[in-house]
PDB file of N, CA and C in Angstrom:
ATOM      1  N   MET A   1      -2.627 -42.520   0.704  1.00  0.00           N
ATOM      2  CA  MET A   1      -3.014 -43.809   1.186  1.00  0.00           C
ATOM      3  C   MET A   1      -1.786 -44.709   1.183  1.00  0.00           C
ATOM      4  N   THR A   2      -1.557 -45.385   2.277  1.00  0.00           N
ATOM      5  CA  THR A   2      -0.432 -46.301   2.397  1.00  0.00           C
ATOM      6  C   THR A   2      -0.923 -47.714   2.159  1.00  0.00           C
ATOM      7  N   THR A   3      -0.206 -48.427   1.353  1.00  0.00           N
ATOM      8  CA  THR A   3      -0.521 -49.817   1.084  1.00  0.00           C
ATOM      9  C   THR A   3       0.633 -50.651   1.579  1.00  0.00           C
ATOM     10  N   THR A   4       0.301 -51.739   2.245  1.00  0.00           N
ATOM     11  CA  THR A   4       1.330 -52.631   2.743  1.00  0.00           C
ATOM     12  C   THR A   4       1.154 -53.997   2.102  1.00  0.00           C
ATOM     13  N   ILE A   5       2.210 -54.751   2.111  1.00  0.00           N
ATOM     14  CA  ILE A   5       2.183 -56.110   1.601  1.00  0.00           C
ATOM     15  C   ILE A   5       1.923 -57.041   2.772  1.00  0.00           C
ATOM     16  N   THR A   6       0.952 -57.926   2.602  1.00  0.00           N
ATOM     17  CA  THR A   6       0.671 -58.891   3.647  1.00  0.00           C
ATOM     18  C   THR A   6       1.799 -59.907   3.716  1.00  0.00           C
ATOM     19  N   THR A   7       1.987 -60.483   4.874  1.00  0.00           N
ATOM     20  CA  THR A   7       2.970 -61.551   5.013  1.00  0.00           C
ATOM     21  C   THR A   7       2.224 -62.874   5.057  1.00  0.00           C
ATOM     22  N   SER A   8       2.691 -63.839   4.317  1.00  0.00           N
ATOM     23  CA  SER A   8       2.043 -65.139   4.265  1.00  0.00           C
ATOM     24  C   SER A   8       3.023 -66.163   3.704  1.00  0.00           C
ATOM     25  N   PRO A   9       2.684 -67.440   3.858  1.00  0.00           N
ATOM     26  CA  PRO A   9       3.528 -68.488   3.254  1.00  0.00           C
ATOM     27  C   PRO A   9       3.645 -68.329   1.738  1.00  0.00           C
ATOM     28  N   LEU A  10       2.643 -67.723   1.136  1.00  0.00           N
ATOM     29  CA  LEU A  10       2.676 -67.467  -0.302  1.00  0.00           C
ATOM     30  C   LEU A  10       3.936 -66.718  -0.707  1.00  0.00           C
ATOM     31  N   MET A  11       4.399 -65.844   0.148  1.00  0.00           N
ATOM     32  CA  MET A  11       5.562 -65.014  -0.151  1.00  0.00           C
ATOM     33  C   MET A  11       6.853 -65.815  -0.248  1.00  0.00           C
ATOM     34  N   GLN A  12       6.837 -67.069   0.174  1.00  0.00           N
ATOM     35  CA  GLN A  12       8.025 -67.902   0.113  1.00  0.00           C
ATOM     36  C   GLN A  12       8.184 -68.626  -1.221  1.00  0.00           C
ATOM     37  N   LEU A  13       7.142 -68.599  -2.036  1.00  0.00           N
ATOM     38  CA  LEU A  13       7.216 -69.270  -3.337  1.00  0.00           C
ATOM     39  C   LEU A  13       8.157 -68.516  -4.266  1.00  0.00           C
ATOM     40  N   PRO A  14       8.987 -69.235  -5.015  1.00  0.00           N
ATOM     41  CA  PRO A  14       9.937 -68.567  -5.915  1.00  0.00           C
ATOM     42  C   PRO A  14       9.270 -67.608  -6.905  1.00  0.00           C
ATOM     43  N   ALA A  15       8.142 -67.991  -7.471  1.00  0.00           N
ATOM     44  CA  ALA A  15       7.461 -67.115  -8.435  1.00  0.00           C
ATOM     45  C   ALA A  15       6.993 -65.829  -7.769  1.00  0.00           C
ATOM     46  N   VAL A  16       6.495 -65.936  -6.554  1.00  0.00           N
ATOM     47  CA  VAL A  16       6.019 -64.759  -5.826  1.00  0.00           C
ATOM     48  C   VAL A  16       7.189 -63.862  -5.455  1.00  0.00           C
ATOM     49  N   LYS A  17       8.286 -64.460  -5.042  1.00  0.00           N
ATOM     50  CA  LYS A  17       9.489 -63.674  -4.746  1.00  0.00           C
ATOM     51  C   LYS A  17       9.943 -62.907  -5.985  1.00  0.00           C
ATOM     52  N   ASP A  18       9.868 -63.549  -7.140  1.00  0.00           N
ATOM     53  CA  ASP A  18      10.238 -62.896  -8.387  1.00  0.00           C
ATOM     54  C   ASP A  18       9.320 -61.702  -8.665  1.00  0.00           C
ATOM     55  N   ILE A  19       8.030 -61.900  -8.512  1.00  0.00           N
ATOM     56  CA  ILE A  19       7.067 -60.813  -8.719  1.00  0.00           C
ATOM     57  C   ILE A  19       7.344 -59.666  -7.752  1.00  0.00           C
ATOM     58  N   MET A  20       7.611 -59.993  -6.497  1.00  0.00           N
ATOM     59  CA  MET A  20       7.864 -58.953  -5.489  1.00  0.00           C
ATOM     60  C   MET A  20       9.167 -58.212  -5.748  1.00  0.00           C
ATOM     61  N   SER A  21      10.130 -58.873  -6.352  1.00  0.00           N
ATOM     62  CA  SER A  21      11.392 -58.185  -6.657  1.00  0.00           C
ATOM     63  C   SER A  21      11.295 -57.372  -7.943  1.00  0.00           C
ATOM     64  N   THR A  22      10.301 -57.679  -8.758  1.00  0.00           N
ATOM     65  CA  THR A  22      10.111 -56.983 -10.029  1.00  0.00           C
ATOM     66  C   THR A  22       9.253 -55.734  -9.880  1.00  0.00           C
ATOM     67  N   TYR A  23       8.225 -55.799  -9.040  1.00  0.00           N
ATOM     68  CA  TYR A  23       7.252 -54.712  -8.923  1.00  0.00           C
ATOM     69  C   TYR A  23       7.203 -54.170  -7.499  1.00  0.00           C
ATOM     70  N   ASP A  24       7.159 -52.851  -7.388  1.00  0.00           N
ATOM     71  CA  ASP A  24       7.019 -52.238  -6.071  1.00  0.00           C
ATOM     72  C   ASP A  24       5.556 -52.297  -5.626  1.00  0.00           C
ATOM     73  N   VAL A  25       5.302 -51.871  -4.417  1.00  0.00           N
ATOM     74  CA  VAL A  25       3.963 -51.958  -3.831  1.00  0.00           C
ATOM     75  C   VAL A  25       2.941 -51.172  -4.653  1.00  0.00           C
ATOM     76  N   ASP A  26       3.313 -49.993  -5.109  1.00  0.00           N
ATOM     77  CA  ASP A  26       2.377 -49.192  -5.902  1.00  0.00           C
ATOM     78  C   ASP A  26       2.022 -49.885  -7.214  1.00  0.00           C
ATOM     79  N   THR A  27       3.004 -50.491  -7.838  1.00  0.00           N
ATOM     80  CA  THR A  27       2.742 -51.208  -9.090  1.00  0.00           C
ATOM     81  C   THR A  27       1.889 -52.443  -8.824  1.00  0.00           C
ATOM     82  N   LEU A  28       2.157 -53.150  -7.729  1.00  0.00           N
ATOM     83  CA  LEU A  28       1.328 -54.304  -7.373  1.00  0.00           C
ATOM     84  C   LEU A  28      -0.122 -53.876  -7.149  1.00  0.00           C
ATOM     85  N   ARG A  29      -0.313 -52.732  -6.534  1.00  0.00           N
ATOM     86  CA  ARG A  29      -1.666 -52.211  -6.325  1.00  0.00           C
ATOM     87  C   ARG A  29      -2.320 -51.925  -7.678  1.00  0.00           C
ATOM     88  N   GLU A  30      -1.561 -51.334  -8.600  1.00  0.00           N
ATOM     89  CA  GLU A  30      -2.095 -51.050  -9.936  1.00  0.00           C
ATOM     90  C   GLU A  30      -2.450 -52.339 -10.674  1.00  0.00           C
ATOM     91  N   ILE A  31      -1.597 -53.342 -10.540  1.00  0.00           N
ATOM     92  CA  ILE A  31      -1.888 -54.636 -11.159  1.00  0.00           C
ATOM     93  C   ILE A  31      -3.155 -55.224 -10.546  1.00  0.00           C
ATOM     94  N   ALA A  32      -3.259 -55.183  -9.224  1.00  0.00           N
ATOM     95  CA  ALA A  32      -4.440 -55.718  -8.547  1.00  0.00           C
ATOM     96  C   ALA A  32      -5.705 -54.991  -8.991  1.00  0.00           C
ATOM     97  N   ASN A  33      -5.606 -53.700  -9.202  1.00  0.00           N
ATOM     98  CA  ASN A  33      -6.781 -52.901  -9.569  1.00  0.00           C
ATOM     99  C   ASN A  33      -7.113 -52.947 -11.056  1.00  0.00           C
ATOM    100  N   HIS A  34      -6.097 -53.015 -11.918  1.00  0.00           N
ATOM    101  CA  HIS A  34      -6.335 -52.869 -13.355  1.00  0.00           C
ATOM    102  C   HIS A  34      -5.891 -54.068 -14.183  1.00  0.00           C
ATOM    103  N   GLY A  35      -5.132 -54.981 -13.602  1.00  0.00           N
ATOM    104  CA  GLY A  35      -4.693 -56.176 -14.299  1.00  0.00           C
ATOM    105  C   GLY A  35      -3.485 -55.966 -15.193  1.00  0.00           C
ATOM    106  N   CYS A  36      -2.838 -57.049 -15.514  1.00  0.00           N
ATOM    107  CA  CYS A  36      -1.659 -57.017 -16.384  1.00  0.00           C
ATOM    108  C   CYS A  36      -2.005 -56.513 -17.778  1.00  0.00           C
ATOM    109  N   ALA A  37      -3.222 -56.771 -18.234  1.00  0.00           N
ATOM    110  CA  ALA A  37      -3.630 -56.352 -19.574  1.00  0.00           C
ATOM    111  C   ALA A  37      -3.577 -54.841 -19.750  1.00  0.00           C
ATOM    112  N   SER A  38      -3.562 -54.104 -18.660  1.00  0.00           N
ATOM    113  CA  SER A  38      -3.484 -52.640 -18.738  1.00  0.00           C
ATOM    114  C   SER A  38      -2.091 -52.169 -19.133  1.00  0.00           C
ATOM    115  N   GLY A  39      -1.099 -53.064 -19.078  1.00  0.00           N
ATOM    116  CA  GLY A  39       0.273 -52.712 -19.426  1.00  0.00           C
ATOM    117  C   GLY A  39       1.126 -52.310 -18.245  1.00  0.00           C
ATOM    118  N   VAL A  40       0.545 -52.262 -17.060  1.00  0.00           N
ATOM    119  CA  VAL A  40       1.293 -51.832 -15.882  1.00  0.00           C
ATOM    120  C   VAL A  40       2.341 -52.867 -15.453  1.00  0.00           C
ATOM    121  N   ALA A  41       2.135 -54.122 -15.795  1.00  0.00           N
ATOM    122  CA  ALA A  41       3.102 -55.170 -15.463  1.00  0.00           C
ATOM    123  C   ALA A  41       4.198 -55.180 -16.529  1.00  0.00           C
ATOM    124  N   HIS A  42       5.058 -54.187 -16.471  1.00  0.00           N
ATOM    125  CA  HIS A  42       6.032 -53.893 -17.520  1.00  0.00           C
ATOM    126  C   HIS A  42       6.958 -55.042 -17.886  1.00  0.00           C
ATOM    127  N   ASP A  43       7.223 -55.952 -16.978  1.00  0.00           N
ATOM    128  CA  ASP A  43       8.100 -57.086 -17.287  1.00  0.00           C
ATOM    129  C   ASP A  43       7.334 -58.315 -17.764  1.00  0.00           C
ATOM    130  N   HIS A  44       6.022 -58.170 -17.924  1.00  0.00           N
ATOM    131  CA  HIS A  44       5.186 -59.299 -18.350  1.00  0.00           C
ATOM    132  C   HIS A  44       4.152 -58.824 -19.375  1.00  0.00           C
ATOM    133  N   ILE A  45       4.636 -58.123 -20.384  1.00  0.00           N
ATOM    134  CA  ILE A  45       3.752 -57.601 -21.424  1.00  0.00           C
ATOM    135  C   ILE A  45       3.742 -58.517 -22.646  1.00  0.00           C
ATOM    136  N   TYR A  46       4.906 -58.912 -23.099  1.00  0.00           N
ATOM    137  CA  TYR A  46       5.048 -59.639 -24.353  1.00  0.00           C
ATOM    138  C   TYR A  46       4.989 -61.144 -24.141  1.00  0.00           C
ATOM    139  N   TYR A  47       4.571 -61.843 -25.194  1.00  0.00           N
ATOM    140  CA  TYR A  47       4.475 -63.297 -25.123  1.00  0.00           C
ATOM    141  C   TYR A  47       5.787 -63.941 -24.687  1.00  0.00           C
ATOM    142  N   THR A  48       6.910 -63.426 -25.167  1.00  0.00           N
ATOM    143  CA  THR A  48       8.194 -64.020 -24.779  1.00  0.00           C
ATOM    144  C   THR A  48       8.424 -63.892 -23.275  1.00  0.00           C
ATOM    145  N   GLN A  49       8.008 -62.773 -22.692  1.00  0.00           N
ATOM    146  CA  GLN A  49       8.176 -62.572 -21.246  1.00  0.00           C
ATOM    147  C   GLN A  49       7.273 -63.505 -20.446  1.00  0.00           C
ATOM    148  N   THR A  50       6.012 -63.616 -20.860  1.00  0.00           N
ATOM    149  CA  THR A  50       5.091 -64.475 -20.103  1.00  0.00           C
ATOM    150  C   THR A  50       5.431 -65.950 -20.322  1.00  0.00           C
ATOM    151  N   TRP A  51       5.895 -66.284 -21.511  1.00  0.00           N
ATOM    152  CA  TRP A  51       6.298 -67.670 -21.802  1.00  0.00           C
ATOM    153  C   TRP A  51       7.471 -68.077 -20.904  1.00  0.00           C
ATOM    154  N   ASP A  52       8.484 -67.229 -20.829  1.00  0.00           N
ATOM    155  CA  ASP A  52       9.655 -67.521 -19.993  1.00  0.00           C
ATOM    156  C   ASP A  52       9.269 -67.631 -18.521  1.00  0.00           C
ATOM    157  N   PHE A  53       8.409 -66.747 -18.057  1.00  0.00           N
ATOM    158  CA  PHE A  53       7.955 -66.780 -16.667  1.00  0.00           C
ATOM    159  C   PHE A  53       7.203 -68.084 -16.393  1.00  0.00           C
ATOM    160  N   PHE A  54       6.335 -68.475 -17.316  1.00  0.00           N
ATOM    161  CA  PHE A  54       5.589 -69.719 -17.150  1.00  0.00           C
ATOM    162  C   PHE A  54       6.515 -70.920 -17.079  1.00  0.00           C
ATOM    163  N   LEU A  55       7.463 -70.993 -17.982  1.00  0.00           N
ATOM    164  CA  LEU A  55       8.384 -72.138 -17.977  1.00  0.00           C
ATOM    165  C   LEU A  55       9.210 -72.200 -16.696  1.00  0.00           C
ATOM    166  N   LYS A  56       9.577 -71.054 -16.179  1.00  0.00           N
ATOM    167  CA  LYS A  56      10.396 -70.998 -14.968  1.00  0.00           C
ATOM    168  C   LYS A  56       9.603 -71.388 -13.716  1.00  0.00           C
ATOM    169  N   TYR A  57       8.313 -71.025 -13.682  1.00  0.00           N
ATOM    170  CA  TYR A  57       7.514 -71.210 -12.463  1.00  0.00           C
ATOM    171  C   TYR A  57       6.242 -72.016 -12.705  1.00  0.00           C
ATOM    172  N   GLU A  58       6.287 -72.893 -13.645  1.00  0.00           N
ATOM    173  CA  GLU A  58       5.100 -73.655 -14.045  1.00  0.00           C
ATOM    174  C   GLU A  58       4.385 -74.321 -12.868  1.00  0.00           C
ATOM    175  N   ASP A  59       5.121 -74.979 -11.986  1.00  0.00           N
ATOM    176  CA  ASP A  59       4.489 -75.685 -10.867  1.00  0.00           C
ATOM    177  C   ASP A  59       3.758 -74.735  -9.930  1.00  0.00           C
ATOM    178  N   ASP A  60       4.395 -73.620  -9.570  1.00  0.00           N
ATOM    179  CA  ASP A  60       3.752 -72.635  -8.688  1.00  0.00           C
ATOM    180  C   ASP A  60       2.481 -72.091  -9.329  1.00  0.00           C
ATOM    181  N   ILE A  61       2.563 -71.780 -10.608  1.00  0.00           N
ATOM    182  CA  ILE A  61       1.431 -71.199 -11.328  1.00  0.00           C
ATOM    183  C   ILE A  61       0.281 -72.200 -11.400  1.00  0.00           C
ATOM    184  N   GLU A  62       0.580 -73.416 -11.794  1.00  0.00           N
ATOM    185  CA  GLU A  62      -0.465 -74.430 -11.923  1.00  0.00           C
ATOM    186  C   GLU A  62      -1.111 -74.741 -10.577  1.00  0.00           C
ATOM    187  N   ASP A  63      -0.330 -74.840  -9.524  1.00  0.00           N
ATOM    188  CA  ASP A  63      -0.895 -75.092  -8.189  1.00  0.00           C
ATOM    189  C   ASP A  63      -1.831 -73.967  -7.766  1.00  0.00           C
ATOM    190  N   TYR A  64      -1.408 -72.740  -7.984  1.00  0.00           N
ATOM    191  CA  TYR A  64      -2.206 -71.572  -7.600  1.00  0.00           C
ATOM    192  C   TYR A  64      -3.528 -71.540  -8.381  1.00  0.00           C
ATOM    193  N   LEU A  65      -3.452 -71.744  -9.694  1.00  0.00           N
ATOM    194  CA  LEU A  65      -4.663 -71.694 -10.508  1.00  0.00           C
ATOM    195  C   LEU A  65      -5.578 -72.877 -10.226  1.00  0.00           C
ATOM    196  N   PHE A  66      -5.020 -74.026  -9.907  1.00  0.00           N
ATOM    197  CA  PHE A  66      -5.840 -75.166  -9.487  1.00  0.00           C
ATOM    198  C   PHE A  66      -6.604 -74.805  -8.215  1.00  0.00           C
ATOM    199  N   ASP A  67      -5.922 -74.175  -7.268  1.00  0.00           N
ATOM    200  CA  ASP A  67      -6.582 -73.761  -6.027  1.00  0.00           C
ATOM    201  C   ASP A  67      -7.690 -72.742  -6.289  1.00  0.00           C
ATOM    202  N   MET A  68      -7.495 -71.867  -7.288  1.00  0.00           N
ATOM    203  CA  MET A  68      -8.490 -70.841  -7.604  1.00  0.00           C
ATOM    204  C   MET A  68      -9.679 -71.395  -8.384  1.00  0.00           C
ATOM    205  N   TYR A  69      -9.412 -72.261  -9.373  1.00  0.00           N
ATOM    206  CA  TYR A  69     -10.447 -72.677 -10.318  1.00  0.00           C
ATOM    207  C   TYR A  69     -10.844 -74.143 -10.229  1.00  0.00           C
ATOM    208  N   GLY A  70     -10.087 -74.934  -9.502  1.00  0.00           N
ATOM    209  CA  GLY A  70     -10.400 -76.349  -9.393  1.00  0.00           C
ATOM    210  C   GLY A  70      -9.867 -77.166 -10.559  1.00  0.00           C
ATOM    211  N   ASP A  71     -10.394 -78.375 -10.687  1.00  0.00           N
ATOM    212  CA  ASP A  71      -9.910 -79.330 -11.684  1.00  0.00           C
ATOM    213  C   ASP A  71      -9.991 -78.819 -13.126  1.00  0.00           C
ATOM    214  N   ASP A  72     -10.943 -77.960 -13.402  1.00  0.00           N
ATOM    215  CA  ASP A  72     -11.172 -77.510 -14.771  1.00  0.00           C
ATOM    216  C   ASP A  72     -10.445 -76.213 -15.109  1.00  0.00           C
ATOM    217  N   TRP A  73      -9.431 -75.861 -14.323  1.00  0.00           N
ATOM    218  CA  TRP A  73      -8.793 -74.553 -14.517  1.00  0.00           C
ATOM    219  C   TRP A  73      -8.239 -74.383 -15.921  1.00  0.00           C
ATOM    220  N   LEU A  74      -7.653 -75.419 -16.480  1.00  0.00           N
ATOM    221  CA  LEU A  74      -7.055 -75.304 -17.807  1.00  0.00           C
ATOM    222  C   LEU A  74      -8.125 -75.088 -18.886  1.00  0.00           C
ATOM    223  N   GLU A  75      -9.256 -75.731 -18.714  1.00  0.00           N
ATOM    224  CA  GLU A  75     -10.361 -75.544 -19.656  1.00  0.00           C
ATOM    225  C   GLU A  75     -10.878 -74.114 -19.625  1.00  0.00           C
ATOM    226  N   VAL A  76     -10.888 -73.508 -18.452  1.00  0.00           N
ATOM    227  CA  VAL A  76     -11.325 -72.115 -18.321  1.00  0.00           C
ATOM    228  C   VAL A  76     -10.487 -71.220 -19.229  1.00  0.00           C
ATOM    229  N   PHE A  77      -9.182 -71.417 -19.214  1.00  0.00           N
ATOM    230  CA  PHE A  77      -8.287 -70.585 -20.020  1.00  0.00           C
ATOM    231  C   PHE A  77      -8.326 -70.973 -21.500  1.00  0.00           C
ATOM    232  N   ALA A  78      -8.525 -72.255 -21.787  1.00  0.00           N
ATOM    233  CA  ALA A  78      -8.573 -72.704 -23.178  1.00  0.00           C
ATOM    234  C   ALA A  78      -9.773 -72.112 -23.910  1.00  0.00           C
ATOM    235  N   ARG A  79     -10.891 -71.939 -23.222  1.00  0.00           N
ATOM    236  CA  ARG A  79     -12.090 -71.375 -23.851  1.00  0.00           C
ATOM    237  C   ARG A  79     -11.901 -69.915 -24.249  1.00  0.00           C
ATOM    238  N   GLU A  80     -10.959 -69.230 -23.618  1.00  0.00           N
ATOM    239  CA  GLU A  80     -10.782 -67.797 -23.853  1.00  0.00           C
ATOM    240  C   GLU A  80      -9.628 -67.466 -24.796  1.00  0.00           C
ATOM    241  N   THR A  81      -8.984 -68.481 -25.355  1.00  0.00           N
ATOM    242  CA  THR A  81      -7.822 -68.247 -26.201  1.00  0.00           C
ATOM    243  C   THR A  81      -7.897 -69.099 -27.462  1.00  0.00           C
ATOM    244  N   SER A  82      -7.088 -68.721 -28.449  1.00  0.00           N
ATOM    245  CA  SER A  82      -7.093 -69.487 -29.701  1.00  0.00           C
ATOM    246  C   SER A  82      -5.710 -70.032 -30.065  1.00  0.00           C
ATOM    247  N   SER A  83      -4.730 -69.847 -29.167  1.00  0.00           N
ATOM    248  CA  SER A  83      -3.398 -70.417 -29.408  1.00  0.00           C
ATOM    249  C   SER A  83      -2.734 -70.717 -28.066  1.00  0.00           C
ATOM    250  N   ILE A  84      -1.718 -71.538 -28.118  1.00  0.00           N
ATOM    251  CA  ILE A  84      -0.975 -71.881 -26.910  1.00  0.00           C
ATOM    252  C   ILE A  84      -0.320 -70.632 -26.316  1.00  0.00           C
ATOM    253  N   ARG A  85       0.255 -69.808 -27.159  1.00  0.00           N
ATOM    254  CA  ARG A  85       0.908 -68.571 -26.673  1.00  0.00           C
ATOM    255  C   ARG A  85      -0.096 -67.673 -25.959  1.00  0.00           C
ATOM    256  N   GLN A  86      -1.278 -67.516 -26.539  1.00  0.00           N
ATOM    257  CA  GLN A  86      -2.312 -66.710 -25.891  1.00  0.00           C
ATOM    258  C   GLN A  86      -2.731 -67.336 -24.562  1.00  0.00           C
ATOM    259  N   GLN A  87      -2.835 -68.653 -24.554  1.00  0.00           N
ATOM    260  CA  GLN A  87      -3.240 -69.343 -23.334  1.00  0.00           C
ATOM    261  C   GLN A  87      -2.203 -69.151 -22.232  1.00  0.00           C
ATOM    262  N   VAL A  88      -0.943 -69.340 -22.552  1.00  0.00           N
ATOM    263  CA  VAL A  88       0.117 -69.152 -21.559  1.00  0.00           C
ATOM    264  C   VAL A  88       0.137 -67.702 -21.088  1.00  0.00           C
ATOM    265  N   ASN A  89      -0.036 -66.777 -22.003  1.00  0.00           N
ATOM    266  CA  ASN A  89      -0.067 -65.363 -21.633  1.00  0.00           C
ATOM    267  C   ASN A  89      -1.202 -65.087 -20.646  1.00  0.00           C
ATOM    268  N   LEU A  90      -2.392 -65.579 -20.955  1.00  0.00           N
ATOM    269  CA  LEU A  90      -3.546 -65.387 -20.077  1.00  0.00           C
ATOM    270  C   LEU A  90      -3.326 -66.064 -18.721  1.00  0.00           C
ATOM    271  N   ILE A  91      -2.738 -67.239 -18.727  1.00  0.00           N
ATOM    272  CA  ILE A  91      -2.451 -67.955 -17.483  1.00  0.00           C
ATOM    273  C   ILE A  91      -1.495 -67.139 -16.608  1.00  0.00           C
ATOM    274  N   VAL A  92      -0.418 -66.648 -17.193  1.00  0.00           N
ATOM    275  CA  VAL A  92       0.561 -65.872 -16.425  1.00  0.00           C
ATOM    276  C   VAL A  92      -0.055 -64.573 -15.942  1.00  0.00           C
ATOM    277  N   TRP A  93      -0.783 -63.878 -16.792  1.00  0.00           N
ATOM    278  CA  TRP A  93      -1.425 -62.635 -16.355  1.00  0.00           C
ATOM    279  C   TRP A  93      -2.409 -62.901 -15.221  1.00  0.00           C
ATOM    280  N   SER A  94      -3.177 -63.971 -15.329  1.00  0.00           N
ATOM    281  CA  SER A  94      -4.125 -64.304 -14.263  1.00  0.00           C
ATOM    282  C   SER A  94      -3.397 -64.614 -12.965  1.00  0.00           C
ATOM    283  N   TYR A  95      -2.287 -65.314 -13.081  1.00  0.00           N
ATOM    284  CA  TYR A  95      -1.482 -65.628 -11.907  1.00  0.00           C
ATOM    285  C   TYR A  95      -0.947 -64.347 -11.268  1.00  0.00           C
ATOM    286  N   ILE A  96      -0.338 -63.493 -12.059  1.00  0.00           N
ATOM    287  CA  ILE A  96       0.230 -62.252 -11.521  1.00  0.00           C
ATOM    288  C   ILE A  96      -0.870 -61.358 -10.958  1.00  0.00           C
ATOM    289  N   ASN A  97      -1.996 -61.264 -11.653  1.00  0.00           N
ATOM    290  CA  ASN A  97      -3.125 -60.482 -11.129  1.00  0.00           C
ATOM    291  C   ASN A  97      -3.566 -61.013  -9.768  1.00  0.00           C
ATOM    292  N   GLY A  98      -3.682 -62.322  -9.666  1.00  0.00           N
ATOM    293  CA  GLY A  98      -4.115 -62.935  -8.413  1.00  0.00           C
ATOM    294  C   GLY A  98      -3.109 -62.748  -7.298  1.00  0.00           C
ATOM    295  N   ILE A  99      -1.833 -62.928  -7.610  1.00  0.00           N
ATOM    296  CA  ILE A  99      -0.787 -62.757  -6.599  1.00  0.00           C
ATOM    297  C   ILE A  99      -0.743 -61.299  -6.138  1.00  0.00           C
ATOM    298  N   ALA A 100      -0.851 -60.380  -7.073  1.00  0.00           N
ATOM    299  CA  ALA A 100      -0.855 -58.962  -6.697  1.00  0.00           C
ATOM    300  C   ALA A 100      -2.017 -58.667  -5.758  1.00  0.00           C
ATOM    301  N   SER A 101      -3.171 -59.194  -6.070  1.00  0.00           N
ATOM    302  CA  SER A 101      -4.352 -59.004  -5.206  1.00  0.00           C
ATOM    303  C   SER A 101      -4.128 -59.632  -3.836  1.00  0.00           C
ATOM    304  N   ASP A 102      -3.522 -60.814  -3.821  1.00  0.00           N
ATOM    305  CA  ASP A 102      -3.262 -61.492  -2.546  1.00  0.00           C
ATOM    306  C   ASP A 102      -2.248 -60.736  -1.694  1.00  0.00           C
ATOM    307  N   LEU A 103      -1.267 -60.143  -2.345  1.00  0.00           N
ATOM    308  CA  LEU A 103      -0.182 -59.481  -1.609  1.00  0.00           C
ATOM    309  C   LEU A 103      -0.550 -58.086  -1.106  1.00  0.00           C
ATOM    310  N   VAL A 104      -1.294 -57.375  -1.914  1.00  0.00           N
ATOM    311  CA  VAL A 104      -1.606 -55.991  -1.567  1.00  0.00           C
ATOM    312  C   VAL A 104      -2.712 -55.989  -0.512  1.00  0.00           C
ATOM    313  N   ASP A 105      -2.397 -55.360   0.584  1.00  0.00           N
ATOM    314  CA  ASP A 105      -3.348 -55.294   1.700  1.00  0.00           C
ATOM    315  C   ASP A 105      -3.941 -53.892   1.749  1.00  0.00           C
ATOM    316  N   GLY A 106      -5.202 -53.797   1.989  1.00  0.00           N
ATOM    317  CA  GLY A 106      -5.781 -52.466   2.143  1.00  0.00           C
ATOM    318  C   GLY A 106      -6.853 -52.171   1.141  1.00  0.00           C
ATOM    319  N   ASP A 107      -6.913 -50.932   0.747  1.00  0.00           N
ATOM    320  CA  ASP A 107      -8.010 -50.399  -0.047  1.00  0.00           C
ATOM    321  C   ASP A 107      -7.748 -50.539  -1.535  1.00  0.00           C
ATOM    322  N   ASN A 108      -8.010 -51.699  -2.085  1.00  0.00           N
ATOM    323  CA  ASN A 108      -7.805 -51.877  -3.531  1.00  0.00           C
ATOM    324  C   ASN A 108      -9.004 -51.417  -4.277  1.00  0.00           C
TER     325      ASN A 108
END
């Protein structure tokens, strides 16, 4: 099965470019299907990695999650975590999971 990456304005965002340069199409498909929590997102496993990614791309991440969840997006993540580090980790994983799903075209 061949999977292609869709082309969209989303691909111009710095955070998305970073994700696309970090993971190949097959890995993006795995992320879309199984999520970062499965360990397939090798550069975004540890809190230090997700923390650094969040700080670097905070605006892109927050805009994307606002579009997905609306005004209460931060509350959604706060209810599922018990520390700031866990919250940032969940936010970044959700962002990467969503971007992978958006980018991967075809039979996910």
